[in-house]
Amino acid sequence: MLKCPKCGGNVIEEEKLFHCENQKSEYKDNSWSEVGSCNFKVFKAALAKLGGEPVTEDLLAEIIENGEAQVDLTSKAGKPYTAYAVLDDKWGIKVDFNRPKED
């Protein structure tokens, strides 16, 4: 089982996302709010707008273990490229476009 990089709780897989077992949401006054002690979550479609495949448990494990994972993406023009997915406090993961290119 994956461990949350923020609090060490178990990461739970659901249909559309992965989230920490300590992350809870509550619907009140026509909006959702976080009420749990941890806000770690990663939507499986996080890389979709960049032409990436859905985030899998294996990919998320690599990102949590190594702080990053190489991902294959496709530009809007249809050209494939490689980037690195990294942990992000706000979005769970994000793509690092500023990483220096290796020679």
Protein backbone atom coordinates (compact mmCIF):
# COMPACT_ATOMS: atom_id res chain seq x y z
CA MET A 1 0.00 0.00 0.00
CA LEU A 2 1.23 3.49 -0.85
CA LYS A 3 1.94 5.89 2.00
CA CYS A 4 0.91 9.54 1.86
CA PRO A 5 3.92 11.82 1.30
CA LYS A 6 2.35 14.48 3.55
CA CYS A 7 1.24 12.59 6.66
CA GLY A 8 2.22 8.93 6.23
CA GLY A 9 -1.37 7.67 6.08
CA ASN A 10 -2.44 5.03 3.56
CA VAL A 11 -3.22 6.20 0.02
CA ILE A 12 -6.60 4.92 -1.14
CA GLU A 13 -7.48 4.38 -4.81
CA GLU A 14 -10.96 5.28 -5.95
CA GLU A 15 -12.55 5.43 -9.41
CA LYS A 16 -11.27 8.89 -10.35
CA LEU A 17 -8.52 9.65 -7.85
CA PHE A 18 -6.03 8.58 -5.23
CA HIS A 19 -6.29 10.24 -1.80
CA CYS A 20 -4.96 9.98 1.71
CA GLU A 21 -7.13 8.09 4.17
CA ASN A 22 -6.91 11.18 6.39
CA GLN A 23 -8.38 13.42 3.66
CA LYS A 24 -12.07 14.03 4.17
CA SER A 25 -14.50 16.34 2.41
CA GLU A 26 -17.85 17.65 3.54
CA TYR A 27 -20.66 19.12 1.43
CA LYS A 28 -22.17 22.09 3.23
CA ASP A 29 -23.87 25.28 2.03
CA ASN A 30 -23.70 24.19 -1.64
CA SER A 31 -19.92 23.65 -1.67
CA TRP A 32 -17.29 21.06 -0.78
CA SER A 33 -14.74 21.79 1.93
CA GLU A 34 -11.82 19.82 3.37
CA VAL A 35 -12.47 18.71 6.97
CA GLY A 36 -9.77 16.04 7.40
CA SER A 37 -6.26 16.52 8.65
CA CYS A 38 -4.59 15.87 5.26
CA ASN A 39 -5.37 17.25 1.80
CA PHE A 40 -3.27 14.90 -0.38
CA LYS A 41 -5.10 13.78 -3.51
CA VAL A 42 -4.16 13.06 -7.11
CA PHE A 43 -6.75 12.83 -9.86
CA LYS A 44 -6.12 9.99 -12.30
CA ALA A 45 -6.78 12.39 -15.19
CA ALA A 46 -4.15 14.88 -13.93
CA LEU A 47 -1.98 14.44 -17.04
CA ALA A 48 -4.82 14.18 -19.59
CA LYS A 49 -4.78 17.84 -20.72
CA LEU A 50 -1.11 17.39 -21.54
CA GLY A 51 -1.75 14.31 -23.66
CA GLY A 52 -0.76 11.86 -20.94
CA GLU A 53 -2.15 8.53 -19.85
CA PRO A 54 -4.15 8.24 -16.61
CA VAL A 55 -2.09 8.24 -13.41
CA THR A 56 -1.66 4.65 -12.23
CA GLU A 57 -0.73 3.28 -8.83
CA ASP A 58 2.73 2.34 -10.18
CA LEU A 59 3.34 5.87 -11.53
CA LEU A 60 2.18 7.48 -8.29
CA ALA A 61 4.41 5.11 -6.30
CA GLU A 62 7.43 6.16 -8.38
CA ILE A 63 6.63 9.84 -7.88
CA ILE A 64 6.21 9.38 -4.12
CA GLU A 65 9.40 7.28 -3.79
CA ASN A 66 11.67 9.32 -6.07
CA GLY A 67 10.03 12.75 -5.99
CA GLU A 68 9.53 12.53 -9.76
CA ALA A 69 8.75 10.17 -12.62
CA GLN A 70 9.36 10.44 -16.33
CA VAL A 71 6.10 10.61 -18.32
CA ASP A 72 5.37 10.51 -22.03
CA LEU A 73 3.03 13.25 -23.20
CA THR A 74 1.66 14.48 -26.53
CA SER A 75 1.53 18.13 -27.58
CA LYS A 76 -1.60 19.69 -29.06
CA ALA A 77 0.15 19.41 -32.43
CA GLY A 78 0.36 15.66 -31.91
CA LYS A 79 4.11 15.53 -31.25
CA PRO A 80 5.28 13.21 -28.45
CA TYR A 81 7.61 14.55 -25.76
CA THR A 82 8.93 13.50 -22.38
CA ALA A 83 8.60 15.46 -19.15
CA TYR A 84 8.77 14.78 -15.42
CA ALA A 85 5.79 14.53 -13.08
CA VAL A 86 6.61 15.78 -9.57
CA LEU A 87 4.78 16.11 -6.27
CA ASP A 88 2.92 19.39 -5.77
CA ASP A 89 1.29 20.69 -2.58
CA LYS A 90 -1.65 22.28 -4.37
CA TRP A 91 -2.38 19.82 -7.20
CA GLY A 92 -0.97 16.53 -5.89
CA ILE A 93 1.27 16.21 -8.95
CA LYS A 94 2.32 18.57 -11.70
CA VAL A 95 4.58 18.45 -14.74
CA ASP A 96 7.96 20.12 -14.34
CA PHE A 97 8.71 21.95 -17.58
CA ASN A 98 11.67 23.87 -16.09
CA ARG A 99 13.80 20.81 -15.41
CA PRO A 100 17.23 21.10 -17.06
CA LYS A 101 17.68 18.79 -20.04
CA GLU A 102 20.20 15.98 -19.55
CA ASP A 103 23.06 15.78 -22.04
